[in-house]
C-alpha atoms as a PDB file:
ATOM      1  CA  MET A   1     -33.922 -11.893   3.810  1.00  0.00           C
ATOM      2  CA  CYS A   2     -34.455  -8.444   5.335  1.00  0.00           C
ATOM      3  CA  ALA A   3     -38.139  -9.317   5.751  1.00  0.00           C
ATOM      4  CA  SER A   4     -37.206 -11.989   8.305  1.00  0.00           C
ATOM      5  CA  SER A   5     -38.685 -11.554  11.778  1.00  0.00           C
ATOM      6  CA  THR A   6     -35.224 -12.044  13.321  1.00  0.00           C
ATOM      7  CA  GLN A   7     -34.248  -8.989  15.367  1.00  0.00           C
ATOM      8  CA  GLY A   8     -30.778 -10.040  16.538  1.00  0.00           C
ATOM      9  CA  THR A   9     -28.109 -11.289  14.106  1.00  0.00           C
ATOM     10  CA  LEU A  10     -29.212 -12.714  10.769  1.00  0.00           C
ATOM     11  CA  THR A  11     -26.645 -15.000   9.066  1.00  0.00           C
ATOM     12  CA  LEU A  12     -26.487 -16.458   5.555  1.00  0.00           C
ATOM     13  CA  VAL A  13     -23.755 -19.028   4.857  1.00  0.00           C
ATOM     14  CA  VAL A  14     -22.327 -20.246   1.547  1.00  0.00           C
ATOM     15  CA  PRO A  15     -20.688 -23.488   2.756  1.00  0.00           C
ATOM     16  CA  LYS A  16     -17.035 -24.247   2.182  1.00  0.00           C
ATOM     17  CA  GLY A  17     -16.440 -26.561  -0.772  1.00  0.00           C
ATOM     18  CA  LYS A  18     -19.767 -25.655  -2.408  1.00  0.00           C
ATOM     19  CA  ARG A  19     -20.206 -23.677  -5.641  1.00  0.00           C
ATOM     20  CA  PHE A  20     -23.416 -21.758  -6.312  1.00  0.00           C
ATOM     21  CA  LEU A  21     -24.652 -20.141  -9.531  1.00  0.00           C
ATOM     22  CA  LEU A  22     -26.259 -16.837  -8.572  1.00  0.00           C
ATOM     23  CA  ASN A  23     -28.394 -14.614 -10.783  1.00  0.00           C
ATOM     24  CA  ALA A  24     -28.597 -10.875 -10.165  1.00  0.00           C
ATOM     25  CA  VAL A  25     -29.895 -10.289  -6.653  1.00  0.00           C
ATOM     26  CA  ALA A  26     -30.731  -7.264  -4.493  1.00  0.00           C
ATOM     27  CA  PHE A  27     -30.732  -7.198  -0.686  1.00  0.00           C
ATOM     28  CA  GLU A  28     -32.723  -4.127   0.255  1.00  0.00           C
ATOM     29  CA  GLY A  29     -33.320  -2.776   3.725  1.00  0.00           C
ATOM     30  CA  PRO A  30     -34.167  -1.584   6.188  1.00  0.00           C
ATOM     31  CA  CYS A  31     -33.892  -4.924   7.974  1.00  0.00           C
ATOM     32  CA  ARG A  32     -35.504  -5.960  11.250  1.00  0.00           C
ATOM     33  CA  ALA A  33     -32.254  -7.642  12.266  1.00  0.00           C
ATOM     34  CA  SER A  34     -29.704  -5.387  13.967  1.00  0.00           C
ATOM     35  CA  LYS A  35     -26.838  -7.260  12.276  1.00  0.00           C
ATOM     36  CA  VAL A  36     -26.703  -9.040   8.923  1.00  0.00           C
ATOM     37  CA  ASN A  37     -23.798 -11.410   8.262  1.00  0.00           C
ATOM     38  CA  PHE A  38     -23.010 -12.987   4.885  1.00  0.00           C
ATOM     39  CA  GLN A  39     -20.381 -15.710   5.304  1.00  0.00           C
ATOM     40  CA  ILE A  40     -19.116 -16.707   1.875  1.00  0.00           C
ATOM     41  CA  GLN A  41     -16.946 -19.726   2.626  1.00  0.00           C
ATOM     42  CA  GLY A  42     -17.465 -21.458  -0.722  1.00  0.00           C
ATOM     43  CA  SER A  43     -17.840 -19.953  -4.210  1.00  0.00           C
ATOM     44  CA  ILE A  44     -20.467 -17.781  -5.876  1.00  0.00           C
ATOM     45  CA  VAL A  45     -20.422 -17.666  -9.689  1.00  0.00           C
ATOM     46  CA  ALA A  46     -22.299 -15.338 -12.036  1.00  0.00           C
ATOM     47  CA  PRO A  47     -24.165 -16.659 -15.105  1.00  0.00           C
ATOM     48  CA  ASN A  48     -22.083 -16.929 -18.278  1.00  0.00           C
ATOM     49  CA  ASN A  49     -25.109 -16.046 -20.401  1.00  0.00           C
ATOM     50  CA  ILE A  50     -25.446 -12.329 -21.130  1.00  0.00           C
ATOM     51  CA  GLY A  51     -29.152 -12.856 -21.771  1.00  0.00           C
ATOM     52  CA  ALA A  52     -29.653 -13.518 -18.059  1.00  0.00           C
ATOM     53  CA  TRP A  53     -28.632  -9.933 -17.297  1.00  0.00           C
ATOM     54  CA  THR A  54     -31.152  -7.854 -19.236  1.00  0.00           C
ATOM     55  CA  ASN A  55     -31.239  -4.301 -17.820  1.00  0.00           C
ATOM     56  CA  LYS A  56     -29.158  -5.247 -14.777  1.00  0.00           C
ATOM     57  CA  GLU A  57     -26.534  -2.723 -13.678  1.00  0.00           C
ATOM     58  CA  MET A  58     -25.417  -4.766 -10.669  1.00  0.00           C
ATOM     59  CA  TRP A  59     -24.916  -8.432  -9.894  1.00  0.00           C
ATOM     60  CA  ILE A  60     -25.003  -8.434  -6.063  1.00  0.00           C
ATOM     61  CA  HIS A  61     -26.597  -5.280  -4.679  1.00  0.00           C
ATOM     62  CA  PHE A  62     -26.911  -4.202  -1.041  1.00  0.00           C
ATOM     63  CA  SER A  63     -29.001  -1.114  -0.317  1.00  0.00           C
ATOM     64  CA  ASP A  64     -29.810   0.400   3.086  1.00  0.00           C
ATOM     65  CA  VAL A  65     -28.668  -2.729   4.944  1.00  0.00           C
ATOM     66  CA  GLN A  66     -27.208  -1.625   8.287  1.00  0.00           C
ATOM     67  CA  GLY A  67     -24.953  -3.719  10.531  1.00  0.00           C
ATOM     68  CA  LEU A  68     -23.761  -5.561   7.423  1.00  0.00           C
ATOM     69  CA  THR A  69     -20.726  -7.864   7.355  1.00  0.00           C
ATOM     70  CA  VAL A  70     -19.623  -9.783   4.251  1.00  0.00           C
ATOM     71  CA  ASN A  71     -16.684 -12.167   4.744  1.00  0.00           C
ATOM     72  CA  GLY A  72     -15.795 -15.843   4.984  1.00  0.00           C
ATOM     73  CA  GLY A  73     -12.639 -16.586   2.995  1.00  0.00           C
ATOM     74  CA  GLY A  74     -14.501 -17.700  -0.133  1.00  0.00           C
ATOM     75  CA  ARG A  75     -14.553 -16.647  -3.770  1.00  0.00           C
ATOM     76  CA  ILE A  76     -16.834 -14.486  -5.915  1.00  0.00           C
ATOM     77  CA  ASP A  77     -16.448 -14.964  -9.695  1.00  0.00           C
ATOM     78  CA  GLY A  78     -18.193 -12.486 -12.000  1.00  0.00           C
ATOM     79  CA  ASN A  79     -17.618 -14.501 -15.204  1.00  0.00           C
ATOM     80  CA  GLY A  80     -16.595 -11.306 -16.951  1.00  0.00           C
ATOM     81  CA  ALA A  81     -14.903 -12.871 -19.983  1.00  0.00           C
ATOM     82  CA  VAL A  82     -18.181 -13.309 -21.863  1.00  0.00           C
ATOM     83  CA  TRP A  83     -18.898  -9.608 -21.386  1.00  0.00           C
ATOM     84  CA  TRP A  84     -15.438  -8.380 -22.392  1.00  0.00           C
ATOM     85  CA  LYS A  85     -15.654 -10.386 -25.609  1.00  0.00           C
ATOM     86  CA  ALA A  86     -19.162  -9.203 -26.465  1.00  0.00           C
ATOM     87  CA  CYS A  87     -18.857  -5.560 -25.424  1.00  0.00           C
ATOM     88  CA  GLY A  88     -15.225  -4.522 -25.463  1.00  0.00           C
ATOM     89  CA  SER A  89     -14.753  -1.255 -23.608  1.00  0.00           C
ATOM     90  CA  LYS A  90     -18.150   0.053 -24.779  1.00  0.00           C
ATOM     91  CA  GLY A  91     -21.245  -1.135 -26.568  1.00  0.00           C
ATOM     92  CA  CYS A  92     -23.433  -2.724 -23.888  1.00  0.00           C
ATOM     93  CA  GLN A  93     -24.315  -2.252 -20.247  1.00  0.00           C
ATOM     94  CA  ARG A  94     -22.107  -4.414 -18.066  1.00  0.00           C
ATOM     95  CA  PRO A  95     -22.931  -5.062 -14.399  1.00  0.00           C
ATOM     96  CA  THR A  96     -20.847  -4.215 -11.344  1.00  0.00           C
ATOM     97  CA  ALA A  97     -20.099  -7.306  -9.246  1.00  0.00           C
ATOM     98  CA  LEU A  98     -20.694  -5.927  -5.715  1.00  0.00           C
ATOM     99  CA  HIS A  99     -22.562  -2.687  -5.069  1.00  0.00           C
ATOM    100  CA  PHE A 100     -23.098  -1.118  -1.637  1.00  0.00           C
ATOM    101  CA  ASN A 101     -25.522   1.806  -1.381  1.00  0.00           C
ATOM    102  CA  LYS A 102     -26.336   3.577   1.901  1.00  0.00           C
ATOM    103  CA  CYS A 103     -24.899   0.679   3.922  1.00  0.00           C
ATOM    104  CA  HIS A 104     -23.310   2.665   6.743  1.00  0.00           C
ATOM    105  CA  GLY A 105     -20.489   1.039   8.670  1.00  0.00           C
ATOM    106  CA  PHE A 106     -20.476  -2.162   6.635  1.00  0.00           C
ATOM    107  CA  GLN A 107     -17.391  -4.415   6.662  1.00  0.00           C
ATOM    108  CA  LEU A 108     -16.174  -6.387   3.649  1.00  0.00           C
ATOM    109  CA  SER A 109     -13.213  -8.688   4.318  1.00  0.00           C
ATOM    110  CA  ARG A 110     -11.372 -11.945   3.616  1.00  0.00           C
ATOM    111  CA  LEU A 111     -12.700 -12.639   0.122  1.00  0.00           C
ATOM    112  CA  ALA A 112     -11.320 -13.233  -3.374  1.00  0.00           C
ATOM    113  CA  ILE A 113     -13.281 -11.355  -6.040  1.00  0.00           C
ATOM    114  CA  PHE A 114     -12.486 -12.229  -9.656  1.00  0.00           C
ATOM    115  CA  ASN A 115     -13.429 -11.246 -13.198  1.00  0.00           C
ATOM    116  CA  SER A 116     -16.179  -8.699 -12.750  1.00  0.00           C
ATOM    117  CA  PRO A 117     -17.800  -7.682 -16.053  1.00  0.00           C
ATOM    118  CA  LYS A 118     -17.205  -4.049 -15.015  1.00  0.00           C
ATOM    119  CA  ASN A 119     -15.931  -2.598 -11.722  1.00  0.00           C
ATOM    120  CA  HIS A 120     -15.593  -5.183  -8.962  1.00  0.00           C
ATOM    121  CA  ILE A 121     -16.795  -3.173  -5.950  1.00  0.00           C
ATOM    122  CA  SER A 122     -18.799   0.044  -5.854  1.00  0.00           C
ATOM    123  CA  ILE A 123     -19.268   1.987  -2.607  1.00  0.00           C
ATOM    124  CA  CYS A 124     -21.896   4.719  -2.925  1.00  0.00           C
ATOM    125  CA  SER A 125     -23.417   7.027  -0.290  1.00  0.00           C
ATOM    126  CA  CYS A 126     -21.910   5.051   2.596  1.00  0.00           C
ATOM    127  CA  ASN A 127     -20.544   6.429   5.869  1.00  0.00           C
ATOM    128  CA  GLY A 128     -17.838   4.551   7.766  1.00  0.00           C
ATOM    129  CA  PRO A 129     -17.313   1.327   5.772  1.00  0.00           C
ATOM    130  CA  ARG A 130     -14.195  -0.839   6.187  1.00  0.00           C
ATOM    131  CA  VAL A 131     -12.733  -2.986   3.418  1.00  0.00           C
ATOM    132  CA  LEU A 132      -9.754  -5.220   4.191  1.00  0.00           C
ATOM    133  CA  GLY A 133      -8.052  -8.480   3.359  1.00  0.00           C
ATOM    134  CA  LEU A 134      -9.307  -8.753  -0.224  1.00  0.00           C
ATOM    135  CA  LEU A 135      -7.813 -10.239  -3.361  1.00  0.00           C
ATOM    136  CA  ILE A 136      -9.327  -8.585  -6.440  1.00  0.00           C
ATOM    137  CA  TRP A 137      -8.187  -9.887  -9.817  1.00  0.00           C
ATOM    138  CA  ALA A 138      -9.009  -9.528 -13.516  1.00  0.00           C
ATOM    139  CA  PRO A 139      -6.756  -9.747 -16.607  1.00  0.00           C
ATOM    140  CA  LYS A 140      -4.708  -6.630 -17.255  1.00  0.00           C
ATOM    141  CA  ASP A 141      -6.411  -6.148 -20.628  1.00  0.00           C
ATOM    142  CA  SER A 142      -9.971  -6.459 -19.273  1.00  0.00           C
ATOM    143  CA  PRO A 143     -11.894  -3.210 -19.951  1.00  0.00           C
ATOM    144  CA  ASN A 144     -13.061  -0.883 -17.154  1.00  0.00           C
ATOM    145  CA  THR A 145     -12.610  -3.483 -14.423  1.00  0.00           C
ATOM    146  CA  ASP A 146     -11.806  -1.090 -11.571  1.00  0.00           C
ATOM    147  CA  GLY A 147     -11.060  -2.787  -8.286  1.00  0.00           C
ATOM    148  CA  ILE A 148     -12.909  -0.463  -5.887  1.00  0.00           C
ATOM    149  CA  ASP A 149     -14.867   2.678  -6.803  1.00  0.00           C
ATOM    150  CA  ILE A 150     -15.893   5.146  -4.085  1.00  0.00           C
ATOM    151  CA  SER A 151     -18.452   7.910  -4.625  1.00  0.00           C
ATOM    152  CA  ARG A 152     -20.458  10.227  -2.353  1.00  0.00           C
ATOM    153  CA  SER A 153     -19.055   8.434   0.697  1.00  0.00           C
ATOM    154  CA  THR A 154     -17.181   9.494   3.809  1.00  0.00           C
ATOM    155  CA  ARG A 155     -14.866   7.942   6.400  1.00  0.00           C
ATOM    156  CA  VAL A 156     -14.010   4.982   4.188  1.00  0.00           C
ATOM    157  CA  THR A 157     -11.069   2.723   5.119  1.00  0.00           C
ATOM    158  CA  ILE A 158      -9.513   0.336   2.584  1.00  0.00           C
ATOM    159  CA  GLN A 159      -6.486  -1.642   3.718  1.00  0.00           C
ATOM    160  CA  SER A 160      -4.344  -4.765   3.468  1.00  0.00           C
ATOM    161  CA  SER A 161      -5.495  -5.913   0.034  1.00  0.00           C
ATOM    162  CA  HIS A 162      -4.028  -6.951  -3.323  1.00  0.00           C
ATOM    163  CA  ILE A 163      -5.730  -5.506  -6.397  1.00  0.00           C
ATOM    164  CA  ALA A 164      -4.773  -6.481  -9.958  1.00  0.00           C
ATOM    165  CA  THR A 165      -7.153  -5.431 -12.744  1.00  0.00           C
ATOM    166  CA  GLY A 166      -7.465  -3.823 -16.166  1.00  0.00           C
ATOM    167  CA  ASP A 167      -8.278  -0.352 -14.826  1.00  0.00           C
ATOM    168  CA  ASP A 168      -7.912   1.671 -11.609  1.00  0.00           C
ATOM    169  CA  CYS A 169      -7.066  -0.372  -8.539  1.00  0.00           C
ATOM    170  CA  ILE A 170      -9.017   2.205  -6.529  1.00  0.00           C
ATOM    171  CA  ALA A 171     -10.892   5.261  -7.826  1.00  0.00           C
ATOM    172  CA  ILE A 172     -12.138   8.010  -5.502  1.00  0.00           C
ATOM    173  CA  ASN A 173     -14.944   9.946  -7.138  1.00  0.00           C
ATOM    174  CA  SER A 174     -16.956  13.069  -6.409  1.00  0.00           C
ATOM    175  CA  GLY A 175     -18.608  13.592  -3.044  1.00  0.00           C
ATOM    176  CA  SER A 176     -16.015  11.556  -1.149  1.00  0.00           C
ATOM    177  CA  SER A 177     -14.113  12.737   1.929  1.00  0.00           C
ATOM    178  CA  TYR A 178     -12.033  11.400   4.815  1.00  0.00           C
ATOM    179  CA  ILE A 179     -10.794   8.398   2.862  1.00  0.00           C
ATOM    180  CA  LYS A 180      -7.937   6.251   4.232  1.00  0.00           C
ATOM    181  CA  ILE A 181      -6.158   3.787   1.947  1.00  0.00           C
ATOM    182  CA  ARG A 182      -3.184   1.866   3.270  1.00  0.00           C
ATOM    183  CA  ASP A 183      -1.151  -1.294   2.728  1.00  0.00           C
ATOM    184  CA  ILE A 184      -2.445  -1.898  -0.804  1.00  0.00           C
ATOM    185  CA  ARG A 185      -0.553  -3.872  -3.461  1.00  0.00           C
ATOM    186  CA  CYS A 186      -1.647  -2.539  -6.840  1.00  0.00           C
ATOM    187  CA  GLY A 187      -0.711  -4.059 -10.168  1.00  0.00           C
ATOM    188  CA  PRO A 188      -1.284  -4.578 -12.931  1.00  0.00           C
ATOM    189  CA  GLY A 189      -3.784  -1.784 -13.389  1.00  0.00           C
ATOM    190  CA  HIS A 190      -4.072   1.982 -13.692  1.00  0.00           C
ATOM    191  CA  GLY A 191      -3.057   2.865 -10.143  1.00  0.00           C
ATOM    192  CA  ILE A 192      -4.934   4.707  -7.396  1.00  0.00           C
ATOM    193  CA  SER A 193      -6.862   7.651  -8.811  1.00  0.00           C
ATOM    194  CA  ILE A 194      -8.662  10.701  -7.543  1.00  0.00           C
ATOM    195  CA  GLY A 195     -11.361  11.090 -10.157  1.00  0.00           C
ATOM    196  CA  SER A 196     -12.017  11.553 -12.834  1.00  0.00           C
ATOM    197  CA  LEU A 197     -13.697  14.768 -11.666  1.00  0.00           C
ATOM    198  CA  GLY A 198     -15.685  17.436 -13.504  1.00  0.00           C
ATOM    199  CA  GLU A 199     -16.958  15.413 -16.459  1.00  0.00           C
ATOM    200  CA  HIS A 200     -19.673  17.152 -18.554  1.00  0.00           C
ATOM    201  CA  GLY A 201     -18.923  20.421 -16.753  1.00  0.00           C
ATOM    202  CA  GLU A 202     -20.049  19.009 -13.424  1.00  0.00           C
ATOM    203  CA  TYR A 203     -19.182  20.397  -9.987  1.00  0.00           C
ATOM    204  CA  SER A 204     -17.091  17.762  -8.190  1.00  0.00           C
ATOM    205  CA  GLN A 205     -15.443  17.629  -4.790  1.00  0.00           C
ATOM    206  CA  VAL A 206     -12.982  15.293  -3.066  1.00  0.00           C
ATOM    207  CA  GLU A 207     -11.064  16.139   0.105  1.00  0.00           C
ATOM    208  CA  GLU A 208      -9.202  14.684   3.085  1.00  0.00           C
ATOM    209  CA  VAL A 209      -7.678  11.614   1.437  1.00  0.00           C
ATOM    210  CA  GLN A 210      -4.685   9.687   2.839  1.00  0.00           C
ATOM    211  CA  VAL A 211      -2.944   7.030   0.736  1.00  0.00           C
ATOM    212  CA  SER A 212      -0.078   5.392   2.639  1.00  0.00           C
ATOM    213  CA  ASN A 213       2.253   2.389   2.553  1.00  0.00           C
ATOM    214  CA  CYS A 214       1.096   1.241  -0.877  1.00  0.00           C
ATOM    215  CA  SER A 215       3.117  -0.462  -3.622  1.00  0.00           C
ATOM    216  CA  PHE A 216       2.653  -0.366  -7.384  1.00  0.00           C
ATOM    217  CA  LYS A 217       4.123  -2.934  -9.769  1.00  0.00           C
ATOM    218  CA  GLY A 218       3.736  -2.861 -13.544  1.00  0.00           C
ATOM    219  CA  THR A 219       0.972  -0.257 -13.456  1.00  0.00           C
ATOM    220  CA  THR A 220       0.127   2.342 -16.091  1.00  0.00           C
ATOM    221  CA  ASN A 221      -0.134   5.021 -13.404  1.00  0.00           C
ATOM    222  CA  GLY A 222       0.825   5.202  -9.773  1.00  0.00           C
ATOM    223  CA  VAL A 223      -0.912   7.928  -7.766  1.00  0.00           C
ATOM    224  CA  ARG A 224      -3.057  10.049 -10.055  1.00  0.00           C
ATOM    225  CA  ILE A 225      -5.399  13.022  -9.904  1.00  0.00           C
ATOM    226  CA  LYS A 226      -7.466  13.416 -13.077  1.00  0.00           C
ATOM    227  CA  THR A 227      -9.979  16.142 -13.893  1.00  0.00           C
ATOM    228  CA  TRP A 228     -11.897  17.005 -17.051  1.00  0.00           C
ATOM    229  CA  GLU A 229     -11.556  20.302 -18.839  1.00  0.00           C
ATOM    230  CA  GLY A 230     -14.591  22.504 -18.242  1.00  0.00           C
ATOM    231  CA  GLY A 231     -15.460  21.059 -14.830  1.00  0.00           C
ATOM    232  CA  SER A 232     -15.531  22.876 -11.485  1.00  0.00           C
ATOM    233  CA  GLY A 233     -15.204  22.145  -7.782  1.00  0.00           C
ATOM    234  CA  TYR A 234     -12.117  20.994  -5.900  1.00  0.00           C
ATOM    235  CA  ALA A 235      -9.709  18.189  -5.029  1.00  0.00           C
ATOM    236  CA  ARG A 236      -7.827  19.186  -1.886  1.00  0.00           C
ATOM    237  CA  LYS A 237      -6.065  18.014   1.278  1.00  0.00           C
ATOM    238  CA  ILE A 238      -4.755  14.817  -0.293  1.00  0.00           C
ATOM    239  CA  THR A 239      -1.603  13.040   0.943  1.00  0.00           C
ATOM    240  CA  PHE A 240       0.382  10.239  -0.685  1.00  0.00           C
ATOM    241  CA  GLU A 241       3.158   8.855   1.519  1.00  0.00           C
ATOM    242  CA  GLY A 242       5.231   5.733   1.963  1.00  0.00           C
ATOM    243  CA  ILE A 243       4.708   4.778  -1.683  1.00  0.00           C
ATOM    244  CA  THR A 244       6.923   2.458  -3.772  1.00  0.00           C
ATOM    245  CA  PHE A 245       6.900   1.987  -7.541  1.00  0.00           C
ATOM    246  CA  GLU A 246       8.326  -0.816  -9.661  1.00  0.00           C
ATOM    247  CA  ASP A 247       8.151  -0.547 -13.461  1.00  0.00           C
ATOM    248  CA  THR A 248       5.384   2.058 -13.358  1.00  0.00           C
ATOM    249  CA  LYS A 249       4.781   4.173 -16.471  1.00  0.00           C
ATOM    250  CA  ASN A 250       3.495   7.359 -14.772  1.00  0.00           C
ATOM    251  CA  PRO A 251       4.357   7.188 -11.066  1.00  0.00           C
ATOM    252  CA  ILE A 252       3.090  10.639 -10.042  1.00  0.00           C
ATOM    253  CA  ILE A 253       0.590  12.417 -12.243  1.00  0.00           C
ATOM    254  CA  ILE A 254      -1.841  15.307 -12.022  1.00  0.00           C
ATOM    255  CA  ASP A 255      -3.762  15.532 -15.296  1.00  0.00           C
ATOM    256  CA  GLN A 256      -6.206  18.426 -15.547  1.00  0.00           C
ATOM    257  CA  HIS A 257      -6.694  17.926 -19.275  1.00  0.00           C
ATOM    258  CA  TYR A 258      -8.252  14.471 -19.035  1.00  0.00           C
ATOM    259  CA  PHE A 259     -10.636  13.424 -21.791  1.00  0.00           C
ATOM    260  CA  ASP A 260     -11.387  10.206 -23.670  1.00  0.00           C
ATOM    261  CA  LYS A 261     -12.299  12.113 -26.834  1.00  0.00           C
ATOM    262  CA  ARG A 262     -11.702  15.618 -28.152  1.00  0.00           C
ATOM    263  CA  PRO A 263     -13.546  18.383 -26.280  1.00  0.00           C
ATOM    264  CA  THR A 264     -16.702  19.685 -27.970  1.00  0.00           C
ATOM    265  CA  SER A 265     -17.295  23.322 -28.834  1.00  0.00           C
ATOM    266  CA  ALA A 266     -19.588  23.509 -25.786  1.00  0.00           C
ATOM    267  CA  THR A 267     -16.741  22.672 -23.387  1.00  0.00           C
ATOM    268  CA  ASP A 268     -15.616  25.748 -21.418  1.00  0.00           C
ATOM    269  CA  ILE A 269     -11.933  24.949 -21.070  1.00  0.00           C
ATOM    270  CA  SER A 270     -11.391  28.135 -19.034  1.00  0.00           C
ATOM    271  CA  LYS A 271     -13.106  26.383 -16.102  1.00  0.00           C
ATOM    272  CA  SER A 272     -11.376  23.728 -14.033  1.00  0.00           C
ATOM    273  CA  VAL A 273     -11.550  21.738 -10.824  1.00  0.00           C
ATOM    274  CA  GLN A 274      -9.300  23.471  -8.262  1.00  0.00           C
ATOM    275  CA  VAL A 275      -6.456  21.201  -7.125  1.00  0.00           C
ATOM    276  CA  SER A 276      -4.715  22.258  -3.898  1.00  0.00           C
ATOM    277  CA  ASP A 277      -2.934  21.055  -0.759  1.00  0.00           C
ATOM    278  CA  ILE A 278      -1.482  17.900  -2.315  1.00  0.00           C
ATOM    279  CA  THR A 279       1.459  16.257  -0.504  1.00  0.00           C
ATOM    280  CA  TYR A 280       3.847  13.583  -1.815  1.00  0.00           C
ATOM    281  CA  ARG A 281       6.139  12.303   0.943  1.00  0.00           C
ATOM    282  CA  ASN A 282       8.646   9.427   1.256  1.00  0.00           C
ATOM    283  CA  ILE A 283       8.139   8.028  -2.235  1.00  0.00           C
ATOM    284  CA  ASN A 284      10.632   5.956  -4.217  1.00  0.00           C
ATOM    285  CA  GLY A 285      10.966   3.460  -7.041  1.00  0.00           C
ATOM    286  CA  THR A 286      11.345   3.136 -10.799  1.00  0.00           C
ATOM    287  CA  CYS A 287       9.449   4.203 -13.909  1.00  0.00           C
ATOM    288  CA  THR A 288       9.437   2.567 -17.336  1.00  0.00           C
ATOM    289  CA  ASP A 289      10.088   5.866 -19.135  1.00  0.00           C
ATOM    290  CA  GLU A 290      12.128   8.962 -18.406  1.00  0.00           C
ATOM    291  CA  LYS A 291       9.172  11.074 -17.252  1.00  0.00           C
ATOM    292  CA  ALA A 292       8.609  10.217 -13.596  1.00  0.00           C
ATOM    293  CA  ILE A 293       6.438  13.149 -12.518  1.00  0.00           C
ATOM    294  CA  THR A 294       3.706  14.956 -14.458  1.00  0.00           C
ATOM    295  CA  LEU A 295       2.019  18.036 -13.017  1.00  0.00           C
ATOM    296  CA  ALA A 296      -0.215  19.155 -15.897  1.00  0.00           C
ATOM    297  CA  CYS A 297      -2.444  21.728 -14.238  1.00  0.00           C
ATOM    298  CA  ALA A 298      -5.174  23.879 -15.746  1.00  0.00           C
ATOM    299  CA  GLY A 299      -4.893  27.615 -16.315  1.00  0.00           C
ATOM    300  CA  GLY A 300      -5.898  28.413 -12.747  1.00  0.00           C
ATOM    301  CA  GLY A 301      -2.983  26.332 -11.506  1.00  0.00           C
ATOM    302  CA  CYS A 302      -2.527  23.728  -8.791  1.00  0.00           C
ATOM    303  CA  THR A 303      -1.549  25.305  -5.466  1.00  0.00           C
ATOM    304  CA  ASN A 304       0.375  24.190  -2.394  1.00  0.00           C
ATOM    305  CA  ILE A 305       1.866  21.100  -4.021  1.00  0.00           C
ATOM    306  CA  VAL A 306       4.481  19.628  -1.652  1.00  0.00           C
ATOM    307  CA  MET A 307       7.172  17.128  -2.701  1.00  0.00           C
ATOM    308  CA  ASN A 308       9.313  15.836   0.160  1.00  0.00           C
ATOM    309  CA  ASN A 309      11.821  12.996  -0.081  1.00  0.00           C
ATOM    310  CA  VAL A 310      10.764  11.683  -3.495  1.00  0.00           C
ATOM    311  CA  ASN A 311      13.219   9.486  -5.424  1.00  0.00           C
ATOM    312  CA  ILE A 312      12.081   7.954  -8.731  1.00  0.00           C
ATOM    313  CA  LYS A 313      14.576   6.646 -11.271  1.00  0.00           C
ATOM    314  CA  SER A 314      14.145   5.538 -14.876  1.00  0.00           C
ATOM    315  CA  ASP A 315      14.408   1.864 -15.817  1.00  0.00           C
ATOM    316  CA  LEU A 316      15.934   2.873 -19.152  1.00  0.00           C
ATOM    317  CA  PRO A 317      19.713   2.324 -19.366  1.00  0.00           C
ATOM    318  CA  ASN A 318      21.745   5.511 -19.064  1.00  0.00           C
ATOM    319  CA  LYS A 319      18.627   7.678 -18.869  1.00  0.00           C
ATOM    320  CA  ARG A 320      17.744  10.127 -16.133  1.00  0.00           C
ATOM    321  CA  SER A 321      14.208  10.615 -14.959  1.00  0.00           C
ATOM    322  CA  TYR A 322      12.673  14.072 -15.243  1.00  0.00           C
ATOM    323  CA  ALA A 323       9.550  15.974 -14.191  1.00  0.00           C
ATOM    324  CA  TYR A 324       7.088  17.786 -16.453  1.00  0.00           C
ATOM    325  CA  CYS A 325       5.481  20.783 -14.825  1.00  0.00           C
ATOM    326  CA  ASP A 326       2.821  23.258 -15.997  1.00  0.00           C
ATOM    327  CA  ASN A 327       0.999  25.764 -13.767  1.00  0.00           C
ATOM    328  CA  ALA A 328       1.880  23.943 -10.546  1.00  0.00           C
ATOM    329  CA  HIS A 329       2.906  25.906  -7.455  1.00  0.00           C
ATOM    330  CA  GLY A 330       4.367  24.757  -4.161  1.00  0.00           C
ATOM    331  CA  THR A 331       7.604  23.464  -2.636  1.00  0.00           C
ATOM    332  CA  SER A 332      10.021  20.586  -3.111  1.00  0.00           C
ATOM    333  CA  ALA A 333      12.775  19.211  -0.863  1.00  0.00           C
ATOM    334  CA  PHE A 334      15.117  16.232  -1.247  1.00  0.00           C
ATOM    335  CA  SER A 335      13.409  15.095  -4.430  1.00  0.00           C
ATOM    336  CA  LEU A 336      14.669  13.355  -7.560  1.00  0.00           C
ATOM    337  CA  PRO A 337      13.910  14.256 -10.255  1.00  0.00           C
ATOM    338  CA  SER A 338      13.849  17.949  -9.516  1.00  0.00           C
ATOM    339  CA  VAL A 339      10.468  19.586 -10.160  1.00  0.00           C
ATOM    340  CA  PRO A 340      11.287  22.896 -11.869  1.00  0.00           C
ATOM    341  CA  CYS A 341       8.095  24.816 -11.054  1.00  0.00           C
ATOM    342  CA  LEU A 342       8.207  24.098  -7.309  1.00  0.00           C
ATOM    343  CA  LEU A 343      10.310  26.174  -4.924  1.00  0.00           C
ATOM    344  CA  HIS A 344      13.389  24.427  -3.518  1.00  0.00           C
END
């Protein structure tokens, strides 16, 4: 498609009412056309035969395509059930449904994306993309089916979407900055996460993130920062505001001891990603347990943590919510539960 001689706007249409079976495909630039428009008005379905995916990490892959728009009001179905049954959470390489690499300023909007074998959307090394008006759905027990993963990207806007999956609704990974997330309905799923950062002792960095006017219903976590022991780097200048929780297990959580198995003897647990300048403002709702807030910081501590007008109550009858706090430093005002390690 990018080899076309068209130099203006190049358009590909999946017609309304039509359903197409699509094998793994890559659209690789640079393109001669100044604008590339994919209008998915009908449905695109992935193969239900794992054998058709040998050594494929991505189903639909865009790389170095500039002036890209993907929209149309249609449906993309990743046929993930065959993968979840065969692989579980591990065991074989499952493809990402939509992958954008070095597609600066692309817009993805007005689509329903269902049942990816792995994460639904991956945004990597992109500057200035906009994602809006999406419905992303997979069963709550589907493994590793993140809604949107962001890595090594800047000035990303994600807004006005409903994400319900078996893992993070949105995950912001290392190398990402100036990220704006707003008006997102998340649930079920694992919430909106910064990280994980610092895996395998890596240097990771995330900064200038704003998450606003988002709601969480029936999620494992709400707004989370997670870093591995032994990593380095920073997560800083991150704001969560205008957030509501309903039946969320861990509404607010900083976990600097994140691991999916026990640390090895080679892990230097004295090192940690530095977490600082984190603001929680105008947040309310309910949690399924008594512990509403977890600030589990590494030995170096989390600094300049600000809680302002936070009100989270327990769903349990006659139980008060409480906050767990370790090595966190900052201030708190008009917040329930009280956070003991923050100045009032």
